[in-house]
N, C-alpha and C. Protein backbone atom coordinates (compact mmCIF):
# COMPACT_ATOMS: atom_id res chain seq x y z
N MET A 1 0.83 -1.18 0.00
CA MET A 1 0.00 0.00 0.00
C MET A 1 0.87 1.24 0.00
N SER A 2 0.38 2.31 -0.57
CA SER A 2 1.17 3.53 -0.61
C SER A 2 0.23 4.71 -0.48
N GLY A 3 0.81 5.92 -0.30
CA GLY A 3 0.01 7.11 -0.16
C GLY A 3 -0.56 7.22 1.24
N THR A 4 -1.38 8.25 1.44
CA THR A 4 -1.99 8.49 2.74
C THR A 4 -3.30 7.73 2.85
N GLN A 5 -3.47 7.05 3.96
CA GLN A 5 -4.69 6.29 4.23
C GLN A 5 -5.23 6.70 5.58
N THR A 6 -6.40 6.21 5.92
CA THR A 6 -6.99 6.53 7.21
C THR A 6 -7.56 5.28 7.86
N PHE A 7 -7.71 5.34 9.17
CA PHE A 7 -8.45 4.32 9.90
C PHE A 7 -9.18 5.01 11.03
N THR A 8 -10.28 4.40 11.44
CA THR A 8 -11.07 4.92 12.55
C THR A 8 -11.01 3.91 13.69
N THR A 9 -10.76 4.40 14.88
CA THR A 9 -10.58 3.55 16.05
C THR A 9 -11.92 3.15 16.65
N PRO A 10 -11.92 2.19 17.58
CA PRO A 10 -13.17 1.80 18.23
C PRO A 10 -13.89 2.96 18.91
N ALA A 11 -13.13 3.95 19.38
CA ALA A 11 -13.75 5.11 20.05
C ALA A 11 -14.22 6.16 19.06
N GLY A 12 -14.00 5.92 17.76
CA GLY A 12 -14.47 6.86 16.75
C GLY A 12 -13.47 7.92 16.35
N ASN A 13 -12.23 7.81 16.81
CA ASN A 13 -11.19 8.76 16.40
C ASN A 13 -10.63 8.35 15.05
N THR A 14 -10.35 9.34 14.22
CA THR A 14 -9.83 9.07 12.88
C THR A 14 -8.38 9.53 12.79
N TYR A 15 -7.55 8.66 12.22
CA TYR A 15 -6.14 8.96 12.01
C TYR A 15 -5.78 8.77 10.55
N ALA A 16 -4.99 9.67 10.03
CA ALA A 16 -4.41 9.52 8.70
C ALA A 16 -2.98 9.03 8.88
N TYR A 17 -2.52 8.23 7.92
CA TYR A 17 -1.16 7.71 8.07
C TYR A 17 -0.54 7.39 6.72
N SER A 18 0.77 7.44 6.70
CA SER A 18 1.55 6.85 5.62
C SER A 18 2.44 5.82 6.29
N VAL A 19 2.79 4.76 5.55
CA VAL A 19 3.58 3.70 6.15
C VAL A 19 4.74 3.35 5.24
N GLU A 20 5.90 3.18 5.84
CA GLU A 20 7.11 2.79 5.13
C GLU A 20 7.66 1.52 5.77
N THR A 21 8.50 0.82 5.02
CA THR A 21 9.13 -0.39 5.53
C THR A 21 10.51 -0.07 6.08
N GLY A 22 10.75 -0.45 7.32
CA GLY A 22 12.04 -0.20 7.95
C GLY A 22 13.10 -1.18 7.47
N GLU A 23 14.29 -0.99 7.96
CA GLU A 23 15.46 -1.78 7.53
C GLU A 23 15.25 -3.27 7.71
N ASN A 24 14.57 -3.67 8.78
CA ASN A 24 14.39 -5.09 9.07
C ASN A 24 12.95 -5.55 8.87
N GLY A 25 12.19 -4.79 8.09
CA GLY A 25 10.82 -5.18 7.79
C GLY A 25 9.78 -4.57 8.71
N GLU A 26 10.19 -3.64 9.55
CA GLU A 26 9.23 -2.98 10.44
C GLU A 26 8.27 -2.11 9.61
N ALA A 27 7.03 -2.00 10.08
CA ALA A 27 6.08 -1.06 9.49
C ALA A 27 6.18 0.24 10.28
N VAL A 28 6.61 1.30 9.61
CA VAL A 28 6.83 2.60 10.27
C VAL A 28 5.70 3.54 9.86
N TYR A 29 4.85 3.87 10.83
CA TYR A 29 3.67 4.70 10.56
C TYR A 29 3.91 6.14 10.98
N ASP A 30 3.74 7.06 10.04
CA ASP A 30 3.70 8.48 10.37
C ASP A 30 2.23 8.86 10.48
N LEU A 31 1.84 9.32 11.67
CA LEU A 31 0.42 9.48 11.99
C LEU A 31 0.01 10.94 12.15
N SER A 32 -1.22 11.23 11.75
CA SER A 32 -1.86 12.51 12.02
C SER A 32 -3.26 12.21 12.54
N GLN A 33 -3.72 13.01 13.50
CA GLN A 33 -5.10 12.84 13.94
C GLN A 33 -5.98 13.80 13.15
N VAL A 34 -7.10 13.30 12.69
CA VAL A 34 -7.98 14.07 11.82
C VAL A 34 -9.13 14.66 12.62
N PHE A 35 -9.26 16.00 12.52
CA PHE A 35 -10.36 16.71 13.14
C PHE A 35 -11.12 17.46 12.04
N GLN A 36 -12.22 18.08 12.40
CA GLN A 36 -12.96 18.88 11.42
C GLN A 36 -12.12 20.03 10.89
N GLU A 37 -11.23 20.54 11.74
CA GLU A 37 -10.38 21.66 11.33
C GLU A 37 -9.18 21.22 10.51
N GLY A 38 -8.96 19.92 10.38
CA GLY A 38 -7.85 19.43 9.59
C GLY A 38 -7.11 18.31 10.29
N ALA A 39 -6.03 17.86 9.65
CA ALA A 39 -5.22 16.77 10.20
C ALA A 39 -3.98 17.35 10.86
N PHE A 40 -3.70 16.90 12.08
CA PHE A 40 -2.57 17.42 12.85
C PHE A 40 -1.56 16.30 13.10
N PRO A 41 -0.32 16.45 12.63
CA PRO A 41 0.70 15.41 12.84
C PRO A 41 0.92 15.15 14.33
N ILE A 42 1.02 13.88 14.69
CA ILE A 42 1.25 13.55 16.09
C ILE A 42 2.53 12.75 16.30
N GLY A 43 3.13 12.20 15.22
CA GLY A 43 4.37 11.46 15.40
C GLY A 43 4.32 10.08 14.76
N ALA A 44 5.22 9.22 15.20
CA ALA A 44 5.41 7.92 14.55
C ALA A 44 5.23 6.76 15.52
N VAL A 45 4.70 5.67 14.98
CA VAL A 45 4.59 4.41 15.72
C VAL A 45 5.11 3.30 14.81
N VAL A 46 5.94 2.42 15.36
CA VAL A 46 6.53 1.32 14.60
C VAL A 46 5.91 0.01 15.07
N VAL A 47 5.53 -0.83 14.12
CA VAL A 47 4.92 -2.12 14.45
C VAL A 47 5.71 -3.23 13.74
N HIS A 48 6.01 -4.28 14.46
CA HIS A 48 6.66 -5.45 13.86
C HIS A 48 6.42 -6.66 14.75
N PRO A 49 6.69 -7.86 14.26
CA PRO A 49 6.50 -9.05 15.11
C PRO A 49 7.35 -8.99 16.37
N ASN A 50 6.98 -9.82 17.31
CA ASN A 50 7.67 -9.92 18.59
C ASN A 50 9.19 -10.01 18.40
N TRP A 51 9.91 -9.18 19.15
CA TRP A 51 11.38 -9.16 19.06
C TRP A 51 12.02 -10.26 19.90
N GLU A 52 11.26 -10.93 20.77
CA GLU A 52 11.84 -11.98 21.61
C GLU A 52 12.32 -13.13 20.73
N LEU A 53 13.52 -13.61 21.00
CA LEU A 53 14.09 -14.66 20.16
C LEU A 53 13.39 -15.99 20.34
N PHE A 54 12.99 -16.29 21.57
CA PHE A 54 12.35 -17.57 21.84
C PHE A 54 11.08 -17.31 22.66
N PRO A 55 10.06 -16.76 22.02
CA PRO A 55 8.86 -16.32 22.75
C PRO A 55 8.05 -17.48 23.31
N LYS A 56 7.41 -17.23 24.45
CA LYS A 56 6.54 -18.22 25.06
C LYS A 56 5.15 -18.20 24.42
N THR A 57 4.75 -17.02 23.92
CA THR A 57 3.44 -16.86 23.28
C THR A 57 3.64 -16.49 21.83
N ALA A 58 3.05 -17.26 20.93
CA ALA A 58 3.20 -16.99 19.50
C ALA A 58 2.28 -15.86 19.06
N GLY A 59 2.71 -15.14 18.03
CA GLY A 59 1.84 -14.17 17.37
C GLY A 59 1.80 -12.78 17.96
N LEU A 60 2.63 -12.50 18.98
CA LEU A 60 2.62 -11.15 19.55
C LEU A 60 3.24 -10.15 18.58
N LEU A 61 2.79 -8.91 18.69
CA LEU A 61 3.35 -7.81 17.91
C LEU A 61 3.96 -6.78 18.85
N ASN A 62 5.05 -6.18 18.41
CA ASN A 62 5.67 -5.11 19.17
C ASN A 62 5.22 -3.76 18.62
N VAL A 63 4.79 -2.89 19.50
CA VAL A 63 4.38 -1.53 19.13
C VAL A 63 5.36 -0.58 19.81
N GLN A 64 6.13 0.14 19.01
CA GLN A 64 7.16 1.04 19.52
C GLN A 64 6.78 2.48 19.22
N PHE A 65 6.86 3.32 20.22
CA PHE A 65 6.52 4.73 20.05
C PHE A 65 7.78 5.51 19.66
N GLY A 66 7.79 6.01 18.43
CA GLY A 66 8.94 6.73 17.91
C GLY A 66 9.79 5.85 17.00
N LYS A 67 10.48 6.51 16.07
CA LYS A 67 11.36 5.80 15.14
C LYS A 67 12.74 5.60 15.76
N GLY A 68 13.45 4.58 15.28
CA GLY A 68 14.84 4.41 15.70
C GLY A 68 15.05 3.19 16.56
N SER A 69 16.00 3.31 17.47
CA SER A 69 16.49 2.18 18.26
C SER A 69 15.38 1.39 18.94
N GLY A 70 15.49 0.08 18.83
CA GLY A 70 14.56 -0.79 19.54
C GLY A 70 14.98 -1.02 20.98
N GLU A 71 16.23 -0.66 21.32
CA GLU A 71 16.75 -0.92 22.65
C GLU A 71 16.71 0.31 23.56
N ASP A 72 16.86 1.50 23.00
CA ASP A 72 17.00 2.71 23.82
C ASP A 72 16.05 3.79 23.32
N ARG A 73 15.05 4.12 24.12
CA ARG A 73 14.06 5.12 23.68
C ARG A 73 14.69 6.50 23.51
N HIS A 74 15.80 6.75 24.20
CA HIS A 74 16.45 8.05 24.08
C HIS A 74 17.12 8.24 22.72
N GLU A 75 17.23 7.17 21.96
CA GLU A 75 17.78 7.26 20.61
C GLU A 75 16.69 7.28 19.55
N ARG A 76 15.44 7.42 19.98
CA ARG A 76 14.33 7.47 19.04
C ARG A 76 13.94 8.91 18.72
N THR A 77 13.32 9.06 17.57
CA THR A 77 12.84 10.37 17.14
C THR A 77 11.34 10.28 16.85
N ASP A 78 10.70 11.42 16.81
CA ASP A 78 9.31 11.51 16.40
C ASP A 78 8.37 10.71 17.29
N ALA A 79 8.65 10.71 18.61
CA ALA A 79 7.73 10.04 19.54
C ALA A 79 6.37 10.72 19.46
N PRO A 80 5.30 9.95 19.47
CA PRO A 80 3.97 10.55 19.26
C PRO A 80 3.50 11.41 20.42
N MET A 81 2.88 12.53 20.06
CA MET A 81 2.30 13.43 21.04
C MET A 81 0.85 13.02 21.27
N LEU A 82 0.67 12.10 22.19
CA LEU A 82 -0.66 11.59 22.51
C LEU A 82 -1.04 11.88 23.95
N GLY A 83 -0.11 12.46 24.70
CA GLY A 83 -0.33 12.68 26.12
C GLY A 83 -0.96 14.02 26.43
N ASP A 84 -1.05 14.29 27.73
CA ASP A 84 -1.66 15.52 28.22
C ASP A 84 -0.74 16.17 29.23
N GLY A 85 -0.99 17.44 29.46
CA GLY A 85 -0.31 18.16 30.53
C GLY A 85 1.19 18.16 30.40
N GLU A 86 1.85 17.75 31.48
CA GLU A 86 3.31 17.81 31.53
C GLU A 86 3.97 16.61 30.85
N LEU A 87 3.18 15.64 30.40
CA LEU A 87 3.74 14.44 29.76
C LEU A 87 3.12 14.29 28.36
N PRO A 88 3.48 15.17 27.44
CA PRO A 88 2.83 15.13 26.12
C PRO A 88 3.27 13.98 25.22
N TYR A 89 4.49 13.46 25.44
CA TYR A 89 5.01 12.42 24.56
C TYR A 89 4.79 11.04 25.15
N VAL A 90 4.34 10.11 24.32
CA VAL A 90 4.22 8.72 24.73
C VAL A 90 5.49 8.01 24.30
N VAL A 91 6.12 7.28 25.22
CA VAL A 91 7.42 6.67 24.95
C VAL A 91 7.39 5.19 25.33
N GLY A 92 8.43 4.48 24.91
CA GLY A 92 8.53 3.06 25.24
C GLY A 92 7.97 2.18 24.14
N SER A 93 7.69 0.93 24.50
CA SER A 93 7.14 -0.03 23.55
C SER A 93 6.32 -1.06 24.31
N HIS A 94 5.47 -1.75 23.57
CA HIS A 94 4.59 -2.75 24.18
C HIS A 94 4.47 -3.96 23.28
N LEU A 95 4.46 -5.14 23.89
CA LEU A 95 4.08 -6.35 23.17
C LEU A 95 2.58 -6.54 23.35
N VAL A 96 1.88 -6.64 22.24
CA VAL A 96 0.43 -6.80 22.29
C VAL A 96 0.04 -8.06 21.52
N ASN A 97 -1.11 -8.59 21.88
CA ASN A 97 -1.58 -9.82 21.26
C ASN A 97 -2.81 -9.53 20.40
N PRO A 98 -2.70 -9.65 19.07
CA PRO A 98 -3.87 -9.42 18.22
C PRO A 98 -5.04 -10.34 18.55
N ALA A 99 -4.77 -11.44 19.24
CA ALA A 99 -5.85 -12.33 19.65
C ALA A 99 -6.80 -11.67 20.63
N ASP A 100 -6.38 -10.54 21.24
CA ASP A 100 -7.26 -9.80 22.13
C ASP A 100 -8.42 -9.16 21.37
N LEU A 101 -8.25 -8.96 20.06
CA LEU A 101 -9.24 -8.23 19.28
C LEU A 101 -10.38 -9.15 18.84
N THR A 102 -11.09 -9.66 19.81
CA THR A 102 -12.18 -10.59 19.52
C THR A 102 -13.48 -10.08 20.12
N GLU A 103 -14.57 -10.60 19.61
CA GLU A 103 -15.88 -10.22 20.14
C GLU A 103 -16.06 -10.71 21.57
N GLU A 104 -15.35 -11.79 21.91
CA GLU A 104 -15.47 -12.33 23.27
C GLU A 104 -14.82 -11.41 24.29
N SER A 105 -13.80 -10.64 23.85
CA SER A 105 -13.16 -9.69 24.75
C SER A 105 -13.78 -8.32 24.53
N ASP A 106 -13.15 -7.30 25.05
CA ASP A 106 -13.69 -5.96 24.84
C ASP A 106 -13.27 -5.38 23.48
N GLY A 107 -12.55 -6.18 22.70
CA GLY A 107 -12.17 -5.73 21.36
C GLY A 107 -11.00 -4.78 21.32
N LEU A 108 -10.36 -4.55 22.45
CA LEU A 108 -9.22 -3.64 22.52
C LEU A 108 -7.96 -4.41 22.90
N VAL A 109 -6.81 -3.94 22.40
CA VAL A 109 -5.56 -4.58 22.79
C VAL A 109 -5.32 -4.35 24.28
N ARG A 110 -4.55 -5.25 24.87
CA ARG A 110 -4.19 -5.12 26.28
C ARG A 110 -2.71 -4.78 26.37
N PHE A 111 -2.39 -3.88 27.26
CA PHE A 111 -1.00 -3.58 27.55
C PHE A 111 -0.59 -4.34 28.80
N ARG A 112 0.58 -4.95 28.76
CA ARG A 112 1.03 -5.77 29.88
C ARG A 112 1.95 -5.01 30.83
N LYS A 113 2.10 -3.72 30.58
CA LYS A 113 2.83 -2.84 31.48
C LYS A 113 2.26 -1.44 31.30
N PRO A 114 2.56 -0.50 32.21
CA PRO A 114 1.97 0.84 32.10
C PRO A 114 2.40 1.58 30.83
N VAL A 115 1.51 2.43 30.34
CA VAL A 115 1.86 3.34 29.26
C VAL A 115 2.67 4.48 29.86
N LEU A 116 3.79 4.80 29.24
CA LEU A 116 4.70 5.80 29.78
C LEU A 116 4.63 7.11 29.00
N GLY A 117 4.70 8.21 29.73
CA GLY A 117 4.76 9.52 29.12
C GLY A 117 6.02 10.25 29.53
N ALA A 118 6.39 11.26 28.75
CA ALA A 118 7.58 12.04 29.06
C ALA A 118 7.39 13.48 28.62
N ALA A 119 8.15 14.37 29.25
CA ALA A 119 8.07 15.79 28.90
C ALA A 119 8.75 16.07 27.58
N TYR A 120 9.77 15.27 27.25
CA TYR A 120 10.53 15.43 26.01
C TYR A 120 10.70 14.07 25.36
N THR A 121 11.03 14.06 24.08
CA THR A 121 11.17 12.78 23.38
C THR A 121 12.34 11.97 23.91
N ALA A 122 13.39 12.65 24.37
CA ALA A 122 14.58 11.97 24.87
C ALA A 122 15.16 12.77 26.03
N ASN A 123 16.06 12.12 26.77
CA ASN A 123 16.74 12.76 27.89
C ASN A 123 15.78 13.32 28.92
N ALA A 124 14.65 12.67 29.09
CA ALA A 124 13.69 13.03 30.13
C ALA A 124 13.19 11.75 30.76
N PRO A 125 13.00 11.73 32.07
CA PRO A 125 12.51 10.51 32.71
C PRO A 125 11.09 10.18 32.26
N ALA A 126 10.83 8.90 32.15
CA ALA A 126 9.49 8.45 31.77
C ALA A 126 8.67 8.19 33.03
N GLU A 127 7.42 8.57 32.97
CA GLU A 127 6.51 8.38 34.10
C GLU A 127 5.23 7.71 33.60
N ASN A 128 4.49 7.11 34.51
CA ASN A 128 3.21 6.53 34.12
C ASN A 128 2.31 7.63 33.57
N ALA A 129 1.74 7.35 32.41
CA ALA A 129 0.89 8.33 31.76
C ALA A 129 -0.44 8.47 32.49
N TYR A 130 -1.11 9.59 32.23
CA TYR A 130 -2.43 9.81 32.82
C TYR A 130 -3.43 8.81 32.25
N LYS A 131 -4.51 8.58 32.98
CA LYS A 131 -5.52 7.62 32.56
C LYS A 131 -6.08 7.97 31.19
N GLU A 132 -6.29 9.27 30.93
CA GLU A 132 -6.82 9.69 29.64
C GLU A 132 -5.86 9.32 28.52
N THR A 133 -4.57 9.46 28.79
CA THR A 133 -3.56 9.10 27.79
C THR A 133 -3.59 7.59 27.54
N PHE A 134 -3.68 6.81 28.62
CA PHE A 134 -3.74 5.35 28.48
C PHE A 134 -4.90 4.95 27.57
N GLU A 135 -6.08 5.51 27.82
CA GLU A 135 -7.25 5.14 27.02
C GLU A 135 -7.08 5.56 25.57
N LYS A 136 -6.51 6.73 25.33
CA LYS A 136 -6.31 7.21 23.97
C LYS A 136 -5.30 6.35 23.22
N VAL A 137 -4.21 6.00 23.91
CA VAL A 137 -3.17 5.17 23.28
C VAL A 137 -3.71 3.78 22.99
N ARG A 138 -4.43 3.23 23.94
CA ARG A 138 -5.00 1.89 23.73
C ARG A 138 -5.96 1.89 22.54
N ASP A 139 -6.77 2.92 22.43
CA ASP A 139 -7.71 3.05 21.32
C ASP A 139 -6.96 3.17 19.99
N LEU A 140 -5.93 4.03 19.97
CA LEU A 140 -5.14 4.21 18.74
C LEU A 140 -4.44 2.92 18.34
N VAL A 141 -3.79 2.25 19.28
CA VAL A 141 -3.04 1.04 18.96
C VAL A 141 -3.98 -0.06 18.46
N THR A 142 -5.17 -0.14 19.01
CA THR A 142 -6.15 -1.12 18.53
C THR A 142 -6.47 -0.87 17.05
N GLY A 143 -6.74 0.39 16.70
CA GLY A 143 -7.02 0.71 15.30
C GLY A 143 -5.82 0.47 14.40
N LEU A 144 -4.62 0.77 14.92
CA LEU A 144 -3.41 0.61 14.13
C LEU A 144 -3.11 -0.87 13.87
N ILE A 145 -3.31 -1.71 14.88
CA ILE A 145 -3.07 -3.14 14.69
C ILE A 145 -4.02 -3.70 13.64
N LYS A 146 -5.25 -3.24 13.63
CA LYS A 146 -6.20 -3.69 12.60
C LYS A 146 -5.74 -3.25 11.22
N ALA A 147 -5.23 -2.02 11.11
CA ALA A 147 -4.71 -1.54 9.83
C ALA A 147 -3.49 -2.35 9.41
N TYR A 148 -2.62 -2.69 10.36
CA TYR A 148 -1.44 -3.51 10.11
C TYR A 148 -1.84 -4.88 9.57
N GLN A 149 -2.84 -5.48 10.21
CA GLN A 149 -3.29 -6.81 9.78
C GLN A 149 -3.91 -6.77 8.39
N ALA A 150 -4.58 -5.67 8.05
CA ALA A 150 -5.26 -5.57 6.76
C ALA A 150 -4.33 -5.18 5.62
N ASP A 151 -3.13 -4.74 5.94
CA ASP A 151 -2.18 -4.27 4.92
C ASP A 151 -1.64 -5.47 4.13
N THR A 152 -1.78 -5.41 2.82
CA THR A 152 -1.31 -6.52 1.98
C THR A 152 0.22 -6.64 1.97
N ASP A 153 0.92 -5.60 2.42
CA ASP A 153 2.37 -5.65 2.49
C ASP A 153 2.88 -6.30 3.78
N THR A 154 1.99 -6.52 4.73
CA THR A 154 2.41 -7.05 6.03
C THR A 154 3.10 -8.42 5.94
N PRO A 155 2.57 -9.40 5.18
CA PRO A 155 3.27 -10.69 5.12
C PRO A 155 4.72 -10.58 4.63
N ALA A 156 4.95 -9.73 3.62
CA ALA A 156 6.32 -9.57 3.11
C ALA A 156 7.21 -8.91 4.16
N ARG A 157 6.68 -7.91 4.86
CA ARG A 157 7.45 -7.26 5.92
C ARG A 157 7.79 -8.26 7.03
N GLU A 158 6.80 -9.07 7.41
CA GLU A 158 7.04 -10.02 8.48
C GLU A 158 8.04 -11.09 8.08
N ALA A 159 8.09 -11.44 6.79
CA ALA A 159 9.08 -12.40 6.31
C ALA A 159 10.49 -11.83 6.44
N VAL A 160 10.64 -10.54 6.14
CA VAL A 160 11.94 -9.88 6.30
C VAL A 160 12.33 -9.85 7.77
N TYR A 161 11.37 -9.53 8.64
CA TYR A 161 11.67 -9.47 10.07
C TYR A 161 12.01 -10.86 10.61
N ALA A 162 11.37 -11.89 10.08
CA ALA A 162 11.67 -13.26 10.51
C ALA A 162 13.12 -13.62 10.18
N LYS A 163 13.59 -13.20 9.00
CA LYS A 163 15.00 -13.46 8.64
C LYS A 163 15.94 -12.71 9.57
N PHE A 164 15.57 -11.48 9.91
CA PHE A 164 16.37 -10.68 10.85
C PHE A 164 16.46 -11.39 12.20
N LEU A 165 15.32 -11.89 12.68
CA LEU A 165 15.31 -12.61 13.96
C LEU A 165 16.10 -13.91 13.88
N ASP A 166 16.02 -14.60 12.75
CA ASP A 166 16.78 -15.84 12.60
C ASP A 166 18.28 -15.56 12.72
N GLY A 167 18.71 -14.43 12.18
CA GLY A 167 20.11 -14.05 12.34
C GLY A 167 20.48 -13.84 13.80
N LYS A 168 19.58 -13.18 14.55
CA LYS A 168 19.80 -12.98 15.98
C LYS A 168 19.78 -14.31 16.73
N ARG A 169 18.87 -15.20 16.32
CA ARG A 169 18.80 -16.52 16.97
C ARG A 169 20.07 -17.31 16.71
N ALA A 170 20.58 -17.21 15.49
CA ALA A 170 21.83 -17.91 15.16
C ALA A 170 22.97 -17.41 16.04
N GLU A 171 23.05 -16.09 16.23
CA GLU A 171 24.09 -15.52 17.09
C GLU A 171 23.95 -16.03 18.52
N ALA A 172 22.71 -16.02 19.03
CA ALA A 172 22.47 -16.47 20.40
C ALA A 172 22.80 -17.95 20.56
N THR A 173 22.43 -18.75 19.55
CA THR A 173 22.71 -20.19 19.61
C THR A 173 24.21 -20.45 19.54
N GLN A 174 24.93 -19.69 18.69
CA GLN A 174 26.37 -19.85 18.60
C GLN A 174 27.04 -19.51 19.92
N THR A 175 26.53 -18.49 20.60
CA THR A 175 27.06 -18.12 21.91
C THR A 175 26.90 -19.27 22.90
N GLU A 176 25.74 -19.94 22.87
CA GLU A 176 25.51 -21.08 23.75
C GLU A 176 26.45 -22.23 23.39
N ILE A 177 26.66 -22.45 22.09
CA ILE A 177 27.59 -23.50 21.66
C ILE A 177 28.99 -23.21 22.16
N ASP A 178 29.40 -21.95 22.07
CA ASP A 178 30.74 -21.55 22.53
C ASP A 178 30.89 -21.81 24.03
N LYS A 179 29.81 -21.54 24.79
CA LYS A 179 29.86 -21.80 26.23
C LYS A 179 30.01 -23.30 26.51
N VAL A 180 29.25 -24.11 25.78
CA VAL A 180 29.34 -25.56 25.95
C VAL A 180 30.72 -26.06 25.57
N ASP A 181 31.26 -25.53 24.46
CA ASP A 181 32.61 -25.93 24.04
C ASP A 181 33.64 -25.60 25.11
N ALA A 182 33.49 -24.40 25.72
CA ALA A 182 34.44 -24.00 26.76
C ALA A 182 34.34 -24.94 27.96
N LYS A 183 33.10 -25.28 28.34
CA LYS A 183 32.92 -26.22 29.45
C LYS A 183 33.51 -27.59 29.11
N ALA A 184 33.28 -28.02 27.86
CA ALA A 184 33.79 -29.32 27.44
C ALA A 184 35.32 -29.34 27.48
N GLN A 185 35.93 -28.23 27.05
CA GLN A 185 37.39 -28.15 27.07
C GLN A 185 37.91 -28.19 28.51
N ALA A 186 37.23 -27.46 29.40
CA ALA A 186 37.65 -27.46 30.81
C ALA A 186 37.52 -28.85 31.41
N LEU A 187 36.43 -29.55 31.07
CA LEU A 187 36.24 -30.91 31.58
C LEU A 187 37.28 -31.86 31.00
N ALA A 188 37.64 -31.65 29.73
CA ALA A 188 38.65 -32.51 29.11
C ALA A 188 40.00 -32.35 29.81
N ILE A 189 40.32 -31.10 30.18
CA ILE A 189 41.57 -30.85 30.90
C ILE A 189 41.53 -31.51 32.28
N GLN A 190 40.38 -31.36 32.98
CA GLN A 190 40.24 -32.00 34.29
C GLN A 190 40.37 -33.51 34.19
N ARG A 191 39.77 -34.07 33.14
CA ARG A 191 39.82 -35.53 32.95
C ARG A 191 41.26 -35.98 32.70
N ALA A 192 41.97 -35.22 31.86
CA ALA A 192 43.36 -35.58 31.55
C ALA A 192 44.21 -35.56 32.81
N ALA A 193 43.96 -34.55 33.67
CA ALA A 193 44.72 -34.46 34.92
C ALA A 193 44.41 -35.64 35.83
N LEU A 194 43.14 -36.03 35.88
CA LEU A 194 42.76 -37.17 36.72
C LEU A 194 43.33 -38.48 36.18
N VAL A 195 43.32 -38.64 34.86
CA VAL A 195 43.90 -39.85 34.26
C VAL A 195 45.36 -39.94 34.56
N GLU A 196 46.03 -38.79 34.48
CA GLU A 196 47.49 -38.79 34.78
C GLU A 196 47.72 -39.18 36.23
N LYS A 197 46.88 -38.65 37.12
CA LYS A 197 47.02 -39.01 38.54
C LYS A 197 46.73 -40.49 38.77
N LEU A 198 45.68 -41.01 38.08
CA LEU A 198 45.33 -42.42 38.19
C LEU A 198 46.48 -43.30 37.71
N ASN A 199 47.06 -42.95 36.57
CA ASN A 199 48.17 -43.75 36.04
C ASN A 199 49.35 -43.73 36.99
N GLY A 200 49.57 -42.58 37.66
CA GLY A 200 50.65 -42.50 38.65
C GLY A 200 50.43 -43.48 39.79
N TYR A 201 49.17 -43.57 40.26
CA TYR A 201 48.86 -44.50 41.34
C TYR A 201 49.07 -45.95 40.90
N LYS A 202 48.69 -46.24 39.66
CA LYS A 202 48.83 -47.61 39.17
C LYS A 202 50.29 -48.00 38.99
N ALA A 203 51.10 -47.04 38.65
CA ALA A 203 52.51 -47.34 38.42
C ALA A 203 53.30 -47.46 39.70
N ALA A 204 52.72 -46.95 40.81
CA ALA A 204 53.45 -46.95 42.09
C ALA A 204 53.60 -48.37 42.65
């Protein structure tokens, strides 16, 4: 998909967005909230499959507020202005389960940790966001996940991200192999020393 598109959230809020593919297959959304007076840019949200190398729950998606580093929010740019008062910027990231979006549930994604707000995009401490911010962010993320799922480019992006994760898994597995090899070498040395001691006893 290309160009500017829109989605409407469960609460009836409308957002316009353009989406680009990140280096590792992430969907990078530049968002604006649409009002009668026009569309106002609010920032960026990045969506991609779960970053955990060996996840316990399949199918989770990561929602990151702001573009850039997945490890350090202070290295991100364009954090979305969805907050209120002294904490206008929403920061951090959340793993969400699209399986929450069912008629049996309330139809909204669930956050497994607090939504965080900050006074600045970077170099400012993060604090628990106000309740109004939590509800707005939850509503937006629910609509965005539905747009992500409906995007015909999503399978190709997720395939790229899967290859990226496989590379990370290979590195992690090699590290474990190296640890086992080191232990095996240490045990081999201990065994050789014991054999030498045993042979000494037998020769005595």
